[in-house]
Every structure is written in structure tokens, then in C-alpha cells.
Amino acid sequence: MMRTLEALLVIIILGSAYFGVSSLISLPSPSQASPTDLDRLALTTLQELDSRYDLSSAAFQTNNPTLWGDLQIALAASLPANIVYNLTIYNVNSGLNAPSLYTPVASFSNAASLGVGSEASSYLVASSNVTYVTTPQMISAGGTPITLYILDCSDTAGWWITGYTPSSLAQEVYSLLSPYFKTTVMVQNTNQLGQLLDGHSLQGEPINNAIIINTCGEAVPIPSAFGQSGVNSTQGYDSGHGSYAEYDYTLGKMTEFYNWTWVSIVGYPFYYVTNTGFLTASNVQNGWGIYGMNAVQSPGLNAFLEGLNNQAYYYNNTWIAGQPQGVVYLTSQAQSLCNYYGLYPSPYQTSTRALPATILNDYNLVVATGIFNMANDVSGHNLGLVNAGAVYRHWTSNVNGVKSNFKGGFFALGMTRIPDIRLTALGILCNYQPVRYSSLYSAQASNRLVVLQLGTVGGG
């Protein structure tokens, strides 16, 4: 009985002490225990309002009641019901004579006062009058701007350019590359190409060191003068083999002589010749029903490389195009320069016409710029390492392993069927790497500062 009374007495004493101490303790309100981060809420609200540039647009059109009203509605809908706010637009002043850095332009609020516990965040917006432009450096050789020729021959046909025409590809590559050249010439027909091969300019432009882009795919435009009955037939037609491989040999010779860079945009280079004007016989077609085109096949590329290397012409029908295993990937350098030049082809491609590394020794070439990583050939031709896309330079001097005195170049993209002309532009830009000079043009009062101040209802 005595122990029970002692236990009750202890309980009464402890309970009295607890209630006594509790009455002296002042617990924080729920808002104090877990306060709203008002400045962060203000910033994220401004960012959300400008996610589609609606805030930027309204900030520069405060006299537009529709835009200004929509902004007020959107802001109210973005905040909790217990939040009061004030949004003010300031003009950002520039110049030495500006009276102040910021000048208020317009504002709105949903309360007469935000209390002493309010917080604010600011957000800078730019008007559409701000223009960012770049001025490309002109591609040159030895300090002299070079000419870009684009073969847009109306009297030719294309092959392995599925979904495109030579003319459409010519227009596209013109838009991508012409800003980097002082002179860009569209070669309109094979007669003009013949004039160029004879060493005559078309518009008074320099022809040495030029780049020539063939937009006909695996086919190469051939002037009638180099045809079987033409005045230059001995430089265009191999009568002993009934082949136009000798014309490709002449192209190689001219490429070396004038230090040109010949560009093949897709497939097996120099596989056909095309001229819809004189290759008109009913039996003259590429084997797939495309008339005005004659098949040269593998001897065409071999003959071009012989001419580029200044060798004697030899009819060589060895197949020298391989197929890398799987897909091929852009080199790290090419991917990096995609961002710099604003060209974004797929970083991986399918190639079945990649050139073997053996051509480097066979024809005195070096890889000046590799666009794709090299891979092993799985075509069955046992070509070893093959390159799906590279700019090759032909050297004429080799002293103790140091190759120099380059004369002539060749850019081959061994992609399958559908050309991505952006790869052509990327390869040329990767090789020459012209600088892009940036400039920012701004109109007066082109920036405004938006300040959003937030408080809580009953915040004091």
C-alpha cells in the first residue's frame, strides 16, 4: 500500500513539472519552423514565365494591354494563394551620360504592402533587337583566297545520291560553304568544266589551289571533247579497253598540276562518267537504266590516283573499296568542330566504299584530315584498315621520312547511297579550319531587368 502511494506521488510531481515547464516554452509557428524560400521561389517563377520567352516579350511591350494582362494572370497562377507580390520592369541604361543604371518602366502588384519579411529576385531579359553574327575567315592558300567550284552541270545525271539531284546538292553545299570563300563558282555544264580543264577561268577567278566538289555522286561529268570522238579523245578514252578510265587519269593529272582538291561526296569515286548530251546511244547506260551515263567501274579511281601521282597511265581494274565492320564514327576532332561550325551530321554512318590505307604508299599520299575513325575491312576483299572519309594530300618530296611539297588533294567520302552534304562541308572546314569572328550588335535599351518581390499574407 505504501509503495503505491509513493508511485502516485512521483507521477504527480513529474506531471506538475512538465506542465510548468511547457507553459514557459514558446514554440515557433509552423511558418517559422518551415519557412518558404521566397527568393528562390521568385527566381524559379521568373525562369518559368520566360521558358517560352513570354516574359521577355511582355517586358518590352508594357504598353500592350493583352501581353501585360496575360503576364499578370500567369504570375498569379504560378504562386501559392498565400503569397503577395510586386513585379517591376526596369530599363537597363548604357552610356556615360545615363543618369542612372536602372530606370523603372512599369510594375504591378496584388497587395498594397508586402511586409517587412519580403524577399526579391531579379532576372535580365534581352529584346529581339539583339543580333549575334559571325564573320567567317576566307579560306586561302599561302595568304591568297582560293576558289570553290561546285559542279552543277545541267547536262549530267547522278548516281548513289538517292533522294537528291546534283543541282539540289549543289545548292545545299553552296549555302554551307560559300561564306568561307571569296569566290564560289557554280559550273553550269560540262562545257564549262572542259574550259576549266583547259586551264581557263570561268569568271576571271584564280584556278590554282581550288576546291572542286562533284555533286553527281559516283558519276563524274565528262565534257564531250573528251568523248570517244572528241578533240581530246586521247586524253579521255582508252580505246584498247573501251573505257573512259583515261579521262579520270586526266582529272588526276590536272588535280596535281593545278594543286586542286577534288571532292567525291558519296560511294565509289569515279565509278561512272556522265554526259546526257553525247552519251545518248540507246545502249549507253550505267547498267541500272540511267542513260547518259557510262560505267568505268574500279579502273576509274585507280586511274585518277595514277594521274594524281604523276605516274604513267595503266588500266588497273583492282577493286580498292572496303566495308568497315558495323558503322563508322566521326573522329573526336570532327565532332568538336561540329559545334564550332554549326554542322551536325549523325556522328555515325554506314560505309561500304571506304578506301584502304595501302593507297598512302601506293600513290604517295598522306591523310591530312581524317573525318572518320579507321576500321577493319569485312567486305571480303582483304583490304585491311580502311578509311570511310578523309582528305588526302599528295606529296612530291620525302626527306628522311618528312613528306612535303604537296601537290593535289583528294577528299573521298565512302558513304552508302544517300549523301549527307554536311559531311562534305565538315571535311573541308576541318581541313582548312577557318576562324569564325563573332560580333554582337545591340540596339539602344535592348536589355531590361525584371524584379519580382514576394511576401506572405500576414507576414508582418
Protein backbone atom coordinates (compact mmCIF):
# COMPACT_ATOMS: atom_id res chain seq x y z
CA MET A 1 0.00 0.00 0.00
CA MET A 2 2.84 2.34 0.96
CA ARG A 3 4.70 1.69 -2.36
CA THR A 4 1.56 2.51 -4.34
CA LEU A 5 1.19 5.89 -2.63
CA GLU A 6 4.88 6.64 -3.31
CA ALA A 7 4.47 5.85 -7.02
CA LEU A 8 1.41 8.10 -7.34
CA LEU A 9 3.26 10.90 -5.60
CA VAL A 10 6.18 10.65 -8.07
CA ILE A 11 3.79 10.75 -11.05
CA ILE A 12 2.06 13.85 -9.68
CA ILE A 13 5.38 15.64 -9.12
CA LEU A 14 6.73 14.83 -12.63
CA GLY A 15 3.46 15.81 -14.33
CA SER A 16 3.36 19.13 -12.49
CA ALA A 17 6.97 19.83 -13.53
CA TYR A 18 6.22 19.02 -17.22
CA PHE A 19 3.18 21.30 -17.44
CA GLY A 20 5.02 24.04 -15.58
CA VAL A 21 7.98 23.98 -17.96
CA SER A 22 5.71 23.72 -21.07
CA SER A 23 3.91 26.88 -20.11
CA LEU A 24 7.22 28.75 -20.12
CA ILE A 25 8.35 27.46 -23.57
CA SER A 26 7.28 29.47 -26.71
CA LEU A 27 7.13 27.09 -29.72
CA PRO A 28 7.65 28.57 -33.22
CA SER A 29 4.74 28.88 -35.60
CA PRO A 30 4.57 26.36 -38.49
CA SER A 31 5.67 29.09 -40.92
CA GLN A 32 8.73 29.81 -38.78
CA ALA A 33 9.57 26.14 -38.38
CA SER A 34 9.39 25.55 -42.14
CA PRO A 35 9.64 28.94 -43.92
CA THR A 36 9.05 29.50 -47.63
CA ASP A 37 12.27 30.26 -49.53
CA LEU A 38 10.86 33.39 -51.13
CA ASP A 39 13.90 34.49 -53.13
CA ARG A 40 14.30 31.05 -54.69
CA LEU A 41 10.57 30.89 -55.41
CA ALA A 42 10.79 34.30 -57.11
CA LEU A 43 13.70 33.25 -59.34
CA THR A 44 12.20 29.93 -60.43
CA THR A 45 8.90 31.69 -61.16
CA LEU A 46 10.62 34.23 -63.41
CA GLN A 47 12.51 31.45 -65.22
CA GLU A 48 9.30 29.52 -65.77
CA LEU A 49 7.49 32.60 -67.10
CA ASP A 50 10.31 33.10 -69.62
CA SER A 51 10.66 29.43 -70.65
CA ARG A 52 8.97 30.32 -73.94
CA TYR A 53 10.15 33.95 -73.97
CA ASP A 54 6.73 35.22 -72.85
CA LEU A 55 8.26 37.28 -70.05
CA SER A 56 10.87 38.78 -72.39
CA SER A 57 8.19 39.71 -74.89
CA ALA A 58 5.92 41.32 -72.28
CA ALA A 59 8.82 43.19 -70.65
CA PHE A 60 9.41 45.13 -73.86
CA GLN A 61 5.71 45.68 -74.61
CA THR A 62 4.38 47.03 -71.34
CA ASN A 63 2.01 49.27 -73.28
CA ASN A 64 0.34 46.21 -74.82
CA PRO A 65 -2.64 45.53 -72.53
CA THR A 66 -3.09 41.97 -73.82
CA LEU A 67 0.50 40.85 -73.17
CA TRP A 68 0.72 42.77 -69.89
CA GLY A 69 -2.59 41.31 -68.68
CA ASP A 70 -1.58 37.78 -69.68
CA LEU A 71 1.65 38.17 -67.69
CA GLN A 72 -0.29 39.18 -64.56
CA ILE A 73 -2.61 36.20 -64.92
CA ALA A 74 0.30 33.80 -65.47
CA LEU A 75 2.19 35.16 -62.45
CA ALA A 76 -0.84 34.86 -60.17
CA ALA A 77 -1.40 31.28 -61.32
CA SER A 78 2.25 30.39 -60.70
CA LEU A 79 2.30 31.39 -57.00
CA PRO A 80 0.62 29.89 -53.89
CA ALA A 81 -2.53 31.63 -52.67
CA ASN A 82 -0.85 33.00 -49.52
CA ILE A 83 1.87 34.84 -51.47
CA VAL A 84 1.70 38.56 -52.21
CA TYR A 85 3.92 40.01 -54.91
CA ASN A 86 5.20 43.04 -56.77
CA LEU A 87 6.74 42.77 -60.24
CA THR A 88 8.69 45.74 -61.61
CA ILE A 89 10.33 46.19 -65.01
CA TYR A 90 13.47 48.34 -65.16
CA ASN A 91 15.20 49.65 -68.25
CA VAL A 92 18.96 49.00 -68.22
CA ASN A 93 20.67 52.22 -69.26
CA SER A 94 24.03 52.30 -71.02
CA GLY A 95 26.41 55.08 -71.95
CA LEU A 96 28.44 57.56 -69.97
CA ASN A 97 25.67 60.15 -69.89
CA ALA A 98 22.99 57.87 -68.45
CA PRO A 99 21.54 59.46 -65.24
CA SER A 100 21.23 56.06 -63.54
CA LEU A 101 21.84 52.41 -64.32
CA TYR A 102 18.19 51.37 -63.90
CA THR A 103 15.00 53.26 -64.68
CA PRO A 104 11.58 51.83 -63.70
CA VAL A 105 9.29 51.26 -66.67
CA ALA A 106 6.19 49.52 -65.33
CA SER A 107 5.01 47.42 -62.39
CA PHE A 108 2.01 45.65 -60.90
CA SER A 109 1.19 44.15 -57.51
CA ASN A 110 -1.61 42.26 -55.75
CA ALA A 111 -1.15 43.98 -52.37
CA ALA A 112 -0.61 47.48 -51.01
CA SER A 113 2.27 46.26 -48.85
CA LEU A 114 4.44 43.15 -48.85
CA GLY A 115 5.51 43.48 -45.21
CA VAL A 116 8.96 43.61 -43.71
CA GLY A 117 9.71 39.92 -44.38
CA SER A 118 9.59 40.06 -48.19
CA GLU A 119 12.39 38.90 -50.47
CA ALA A 120 13.14 39.52 -54.14
CA SER A 121 14.97 38.06 -57.16
CA SER A 122 15.97 39.70 -60.43
CA TYR A 123 16.08 38.36 -64.00
CA LEU A 124 17.69 40.02 -67.05
CA VAL A 125 15.89 39.74 -70.39
CA ALA A 126 17.01 40.80 -73.87
CA SER A 127 14.94 42.19 -76.71
CA SER A 128 14.73 40.84 -80.25
CA ASN A 129 16.88 43.82 -81.32
CA VAL A 130 19.99 41.99 -80.11
CA THR A 131 21.72 40.29 -83.06
CA TYR A 132 24.62 37.83 -82.83
CA VAL A 133 26.57 37.42 -86.05
CA THR A 134 29.78 35.75 -87.14
CA THR A 135 32.11 36.71 -89.98
CA PRO A 136 33.98 33.70 -91.40
CA GLN A 137 37.62 33.89 -92.35
CA MET A 138 38.14 33.35 -96.07
CA ILE A 139 39.84 30.03 -96.86
CA SER A 140 43.18 30.67 -98.52
CA ALA A 141 46.46 29.08 -99.56
CA GLY A 142 49.66 30.96 -98.81
CA GLY A 143 47.62 34.01 -97.86
CA THR A 144 45.74 34.09 -101.19
CA PRO A 145 42.00 33.29 -101.16
CA ILE A 146 41.17 30.19 -103.17
CA THR A 147 38.20 29.43 -105.40
CA LEU A 148 35.43 26.94 -104.66
CA TYR A 149 33.99 25.22 -107.74
CA ILE A 150 30.72 23.32 -107.41
CA LEU A 151 29.78 21.07 -110.32
CA ASP A 152 26.13 21.89 -111.04
CA CYS A 153 26.17 20.63 -114.63
CA SER A 154 22.74 20.62 -116.23
CA ASP A 155 23.77 18.02 -118.84
CA THR A 156 24.64 15.25 -116.35
CA ALA A 157 22.92 12.62 -114.25
CA GLY A 158 23.69 11.42 -110.73
CA TRP A 159 24.12 8.03 -109.10
CA TRP A 160 24.06 6.95 -105.45
CA ILE A 161 22.56 10.30 -104.49
CA THR A 162 19.19 8.74 -103.64
CA GLY A 163 16.54 11.35 -102.88
CA TYR A 164 18.55 14.21 -104.39
CA THR A 165 19.58 15.65 -107.73
CA PRO A 166 23.05 17.03 -108.50
CA SER A 167 21.52 20.50 -108.66
CA SER A 168 19.81 20.26 -105.26
CA LEU A 169 23.04 19.05 -103.67
CA ALA A 170 24.96 21.85 -105.38
CA GLN A 171 22.61 24.47 -103.95
CA GLU A 172 22.86 22.98 -100.47
CA VAL A 173 26.65 22.79 -100.42
CA TYR A 174 26.76 26.34 -101.79
CA SER A 175 24.75 27.61 -98.81
CA LEU A 176 27.03 25.79 -96.36
CA LEU A 177 30.45 26.65 -97.79
CA SER A 178 30.25 29.82 -99.90
CA PRO A 179 30.54 32.15 -96.85
CA TYR A 180 34.08 30.79 -96.35
CA PHE A 181 35.28 31.58 -99.89
CA LYS A 182 35.93 34.87 -101.58
CA THR A 183 34.82 33.34 -104.90
CA THR A 184 32.40 30.46 -105.41
CA VAL A 185 31.68 29.38 -108.98
CA MET A 186 28.79 27.12 -109.97
CA VAL A 187 29.96 25.14 -113.01
CA GLN A 188 26.75 25.09 -115.06
CA ASN A 189 27.55 22.48 -117.71
CA THR A 190 30.25 20.13 -118.93
CA ASN A 191 31.48 22.67 -121.50
CA GLN A 192 32.43 24.99 -118.63
CA LEU A 193 34.15 22.06 -116.90
CA GLY A 194 36.10 21.47 -120.13
CA GLN A 195 37.12 25.13 -120.13
CA LEU A 196 38.41 24.73 -116.59
CA LEU A 197 40.35 21.57 -117.52
CA ASP A 198 41.98 23.54 -120.34
CA GLY A 199 43.31 25.97 -117.72
CA HIS A 200 40.87 28.84 -118.37
CA SER A 201 38.94 30.54 -115.58
CA LEU A 202 35.18 30.99 -115.91
CA GLN A 203 34.79 34.40 -114.24
CA GLY A 204 38.34 35.68 -114.01
CA GLU A 205 38.89 33.78 -110.77
CA PRO A 206 42.20 32.10 -109.81
CA ILE A 207 42.10 28.38 -110.64
CA ASN A 208 45.23 27.25 -108.80
CA ASN A 209 44.69 25.65 -105.36
CA ALA A 210 40.94 25.47 -105.96
CA ILE A 211 38.48 23.01 -104.44
CA ILE A 212 36.18 21.16 -106.88
CA ILE A 213 33.09 19.46 -105.45
CA ASN A 214 31.41 16.84 -107.66
CA THR A 215 27.71 16.62 -106.77
CA CYS A 216 26.91 13.73 -109.15
CA GLY A 217 27.83 11.05 -106.61
CA GLU A 218 29.64 8.09 -108.11
CA ALA A 219 29.40 9.62 -111.59
CA VAL A 220 31.80 12.27 -112.89
CA PRO A 221 30.78 14.88 -115.51
CA ILE A 222 32.74 14.48 -118.73
CA PRO A 223 32.92 17.19 -121.43
CA SER A 224 32.14 15.99 -124.97
CA ALA A 225 35.66 16.99 -126.05
CA PHE A 226 36.96 14.02 -124.03
CA GLY A 227 34.48 11.60 -125.59
CA GLN A 228 35.37 8.78 -127.94
CA SER A 229 35.01 11.10 -130.95
CA GLY A 230 36.04 14.33 -129.24
CA VAL A 231 39.05 16.53 -129.97
CA ASN A 232 40.65 15.40 -126.70
CA SER A 233 39.70 11.75 -127.06
CA THR A 234 43.28 10.61 -126.47
CA GLN A 235 43.06 12.18 -123.02
CA GLY A 236 39.63 10.79 -122.28
CA TYR A 237 39.02 7.44 -123.95
CA ASP A 238 41.06 4.24 -123.60
CA SER A 239 40.24 2.61 -126.95
CA GLY A 240 42.22 -0.51 -126.06
CA HIS A 241 39.88 -1.31 -123.19
CA GLY A 242 36.83 0.63 -124.37
CA SER A 243 36.90 2.65 -121.18
CA TYR A 244 36.73 6.26 -120.03
CA ALA A 245 39.24 5.48 -117.28
CA GLU A 246 41.73 7.62 -119.19
CA TYR A 247 39.50 10.65 -118.59
CA ASP A 248 39.75 10.01 -114.84
CA TYR A 249 43.52 9.78 -115.29
CA THR A 250 43.43 13.24 -116.89
CA LEU A 251 41.42 14.57 -113.95
CA GLY A 252 44.09 13.26 -111.62
CA LYS A 253 46.83 14.90 -113.70
CA MET A 254 45.01 18.25 -113.69
CA THR A 255 44.38 17.96 -109.95
CA GLU A 256 48.11 17.54 -109.35
CA PHE A 257 49.12 20.22 -111.87
CA TYR A 258 46.83 22.95 -110.51
CA ASN A 259 47.03 21.74 -106.90
CA TRP A 260 43.27 21.22 -106.78
CA THR A 261 41.38 19.33 -104.11
CA TRP A 262 38.87 17.04 -105.80
CA VAL A 263 35.87 16.13 -103.63
CA SER A 264 33.79 12.94 -104.01
CA ILE A 265 30.70 13.17 -101.80
CA VAL A 266 29.48 9.55 -101.69
CA GLY A 267 30.13 5.99 -102.83
CA TYR A 268 32.89 4.68 -105.09
CA PRO A 269 34.66 7.67 -106.67
CA PHE A 270 34.91 7.86 -110.50
CA TYR A 271 32.80 4.73 -110.98
CA TYR A 272 30.87 6.28 -113.90
CA VAL A 273 31.17 9.17 -116.33
CA THR A 274 28.09 11.15 -117.29
CA ASN A 275 27.05 13.47 -120.10
CA THR A 276 23.45 13.45 -121.30
CA GLY A 277 24.48 15.33 -124.43
CA PHE A 278 26.82 12.86 -126.16
CA LEU A 279 26.32 9.60 -124.22
CA THR A 280 22.94 9.26 -125.91
CA ALA A 281 23.04 5.91 -127.70
CA SER A 282 20.24 3.54 -126.74
CA ASN A 283 22.72 1.10 -125.23
CA VAL A 284 24.70 3.71 -123.23
CA GLN A 285 23.52 3.50 -119.65
CA ASN A 286 25.07 2.64 -116.32
CA GLY A 287 23.68 -0.90 -116.11
CA TRP A 288 20.78 0.20 -113.91
CA GLY A 289 18.72 2.03 -116.52
CA ILE A 290 20.23 5.51 -116.08
CA TYR A 291 21.02 6.80 -119.58
CA GLY A 292 23.62 9.43 -120.35
CA MET A 293 25.99 7.54 -118.07
CA ASN A 294 28.75 5.03 -118.80
CA ALA A 295 30.26 2.58 -116.33
CA VAL A 296 34.03 2.86 -115.80
CA GLN A 297 33.97 0.83 -112.56
CA SER A 298 37.09 0.32 -110.42
CA PRO A 299 39.64 1.39 -113.09
CA GLY A 300 38.31 4.96 -112.78
CA LEU A 301 39.58 5.54 -109.24
CA ASN A 302 42.84 3.74 -109.92
CA ALA A 303 43.44 5.89 -112.99
CA PHE A 304 42.70 9.11 -111.08
CA LEU A 305 45.21 8.16 -108.38
CA GLU A 306 47.80 7.31 -111.07
CA GLY A 307 47.33 10.74 -112.60
CA LEU A 308 47.46 12.44 -109.20
CA ASN A 309 50.77 10.67 -108.51
CA ASN A 310 52.09 11.65 -111.96
CA GLN A 311 52.51 8.01 -112.96
CA ALA A 312 52.11 6.61 -116.46
CA TYR A 313 48.55 5.56 -117.28
CA TYR A 314 47.85 1.88 -116.69
CA TYR A 315 44.43 0.22 -116.94
CA ASN A 316 44.03 -1.32 -113.49
CA ASN A 317 40.74 -2.97 -112.57
CA THR A 318 41.71 -3.85 -108.97
CA TRP A 319 38.85 -3.18 -106.56
CA ILE A 320 40.04 -0.88 -103.78
CA ALA A 321 36.93 -0.06 -101.73
CA GLY A 322 36.15 -1.84 -98.49
CA GLN A 323 33.39 -2.11 -95.94
CA PRO A 324 34.15 -1.36 -92.29
CA GLN A 325 32.57 -3.64 -89.72
CA GLY A 326 29.41 -2.06 -88.32
CA VAL A 327 29.10 1.71 -88.51
CA VAL A 328 31.91 4.28 -88.61
CA TYR A 329 32.20 7.16 -86.15
CA LEU A 330 33.34 10.74 -86.57
CA THR A 331 36.76 11.44 -85.10
CA SER A 332 36.94 13.43 -81.87
CA GLN A 333 38.31 16.41 -83.81
CA ALA A 334 35.44 16.30 -86.29
CA GLN A 335 32.86 16.08 -83.53
CA SER A 336 34.45 19.01 -81.71
CA LEU A 337 34.41 21.16 -84.85
CA CYS A 338 30.75 20.30 -85.48
CA ASN A 339 29.89 22.69 -82.65
CA TYR A 340 32.28 25.37 -83.86
CA TYR A 341 30.93 25.43 -87.42
CA GLY A 342 27.31 24.64 -86.56
CA LEU A 343 27.17 21.44 -88.64
CA TYR A 344 25.51 18.43 -87.06
CA PRO A 345 25.51 15.30 -89.22
CA SER A 346 24.94 12.00 -87.46
CA PRO A 347 28.14 11.03 -85.58
CA TYR A 348 27.93 7.52 -87.02
CA GLN A 349 27.40 6.48 -90.63
CA THR A 350 27.21 3.40 -92.84
CA SER A 351 30.06 2.94 -95.30
CA THR A 352 30.60 0.31 -97.98
CA ARG A 353 33.10 2.23 -100.13
CA ALA A 354 35.92 3.02 -97.70
CA LEU A 355 39.41 3.40 -99.15
CA PRO A 356 42.28 1.24 -97.87
CA ALA A 357 45.33 2.57 -96.04
CA THR A 358 47.51 0.94 -98.70
CA ILE A 359 46.82 3.79 -101.15
CA LEU A 360 49.04 6.02 -98.99
CA ASN A 361 52.18 4.15 -100.03
CA ASP A 362 50.96 3.21 -103.49
CA TYR A 363 50.27 6.79 -104.57
CA ASN A 364 52.40 8.96 -102.24
CA LEU A 365 49.52 10.24 -100.14
CA VAL A 366 49.09 11.36 -96.55
CA VAL A 367 45.86 11.71 -94.59
CA ALA A 368 45.68 15.45 -93.99
CA THR A 369 42.37 15.23 -92.14
CA GLY A 370 40.52 12.10 -91.05
CA ILE A 371 36.77 12.56 -90.73
CA PHE A 372 36.02 9.04 -89.50
CA ASN A 373 38.00 6.64 -87.37
CA MET A 374 39.65 3.88 -89.37
CA ALA A 375 38.28 0.33 -89.16
CA ASN A 376 38.96 -3.16 -90.47
CA ASP A 377 37.55 -4.21 -93.83
CA VAL A 378 34.98 -7.02 -93.76
CA SER A 379 33.97 -6.84 -97.43
CA GLY A 380 35.91 -9.96 -98.42
CA HIS A 381 38.46 -8.01 -100.48
CA ASN A 382 41.06 -8.31 -97.70
CA LEU A 383 41.93 -4.61 -97.72
CA GLY A 384 42.96 -4.37 -94.07
CA LEU A 385 42.43 -0.96 -92.48
CA VAL A 386 40.05 1.26 -94.43
CA ASN A 387 39.06 4.90 -94.12
CA ALA A 388 35.44 5.90 -94.75
CA GLY A 389 36.19 9.59 -95.07
CA ALA A 390 39.42 11.56 -95.30
CA VAL A 391 41.18 14.43 -97.04
CA TYR A 392 44.32 13.11 -98.73
CA ARG A 393 47.28 15.22 -99.86
CA HIS A 394 49.77 14.11 -102.48
CA TRP A 395 53.41 14.70 -101.56
CA THR A 396 56.29 15.10 -104.01
CA SER A 397 59.22 15.31 -101.58
CA ASN A 398 60.28 12.87 -98.85
CA VAL A 399 63.47 13.71 -96.96
CA ASN A 400 64.30 11.37 -94.07
CA GLY A 401 60.67 10.44 -93.74
CA VAL A 402 59.46 14.06 -93.73
CA LYS A 403 56.93 14.46 -96.55
CA SER A 404 56.47 17.91 -98.07
CA ASN A 405 55.85 19.90 -101.24
CA PHE A 406 52.23 18.81 -101.52
CA LYS A 407 50.64 18.96 -104.96
CA GLY A 408 47.00 18.00 -105.33
CA GLY A 409 44.44 16.60 -102.93
CA PHE A 410 41.50 14.24 -102.83
CA PHE A 411 38.59 14.17 -100.38
CA ALA A 412 36.66 10.89 -100.54
CA LEU A 413 33.53 10.08 -98.52
CA GLY A 414 32.72 6.39 -98.91
CA MET A 415 29.20 6.54 -97.50
CA THR A 416 26.44 4.26 -98.73
CA ARG A 417 23.95 5.63 -101.25
CA ILE A 418 22.37 8.64 -99.50
CA PRO A 419 24.82 11.56 -99.25
CA ASP A 420 24.83 13.85 -96.23
CA ILE A 421 26.24 17.00 -97.77
CA ARG A 422 27.02 18.32 -94.28
CA LEU A 423 29.83 15.76 -94.12
CA THR A 424 31.33 17.31 -97.24
CA ALA A 425 31.24 20.78 -95.70
CA LEU A 426 32.54 19.46 -92.39
CA GLY A 427 35.50 17.72 -94.02
CA ILE A 428 36.61 20.83 -95.89
CA LEU A 429 36.22 23.05 -92.84
CA CYS A 430 38.07 20.54 -90.64
CA ASN A 431 40.91 20.52 -93.14
CA TYR A 432 41.33 24.28 -93.53
CA GLN A 433 39.86 25.34 -90.15
CA PRO A 434 38.90 28.94 -90.97
CA VAL A 435 38.21 31.18 -87.98
CA ARG A 436 34.72 32.50 -87.24
CA TYR A 437 34.90 36.07 -85.95
CA SER A 438 31.98 36.83 -83.63
CA SER A 439 30.19 40.16 -83.20
CA LEU A 440 27.26 41.32 -81.06
CA TYR A 441 25.08 44.14 -82.32
CA SER A 442 22.63 45.68 -79.80
CA ALA A 443 20.08 48.44 -80.20
CA GLN A 444 19.68 51.10 -77.50
CA ALA A 445 17.66 49.93 -74.46
CA SER A 446 17.90 46.31 -75.56
CA ASN A 447 18.07 44.87 -72.02
CA ARG A 448 15.58 45.09 -69.19
CA LEU A 449 15.69 43.89 -65.60
CA VAL A 450 12.66 42.17 -64.10
CA VAL A 451 12.46 42.22 -60.28
CA LEU A 452 9.90 40.02 -58.52
CA GLN A 453 9.38 40.74 -54.81
CA LEU A 454 7.42 38.20 -52.76
CA GLY A 455 5.90 38.23 -49.28
CA THR A 456 3.43 36.11 -47.34
CA VAL A 457 -0.06 37.08 -46.22
CA GLY A 458 0.19 38.20 -42.57
CA GLY A 459 3.96 38.24 -42.81
CA GLY A 460 4.17 41.47 -40.69
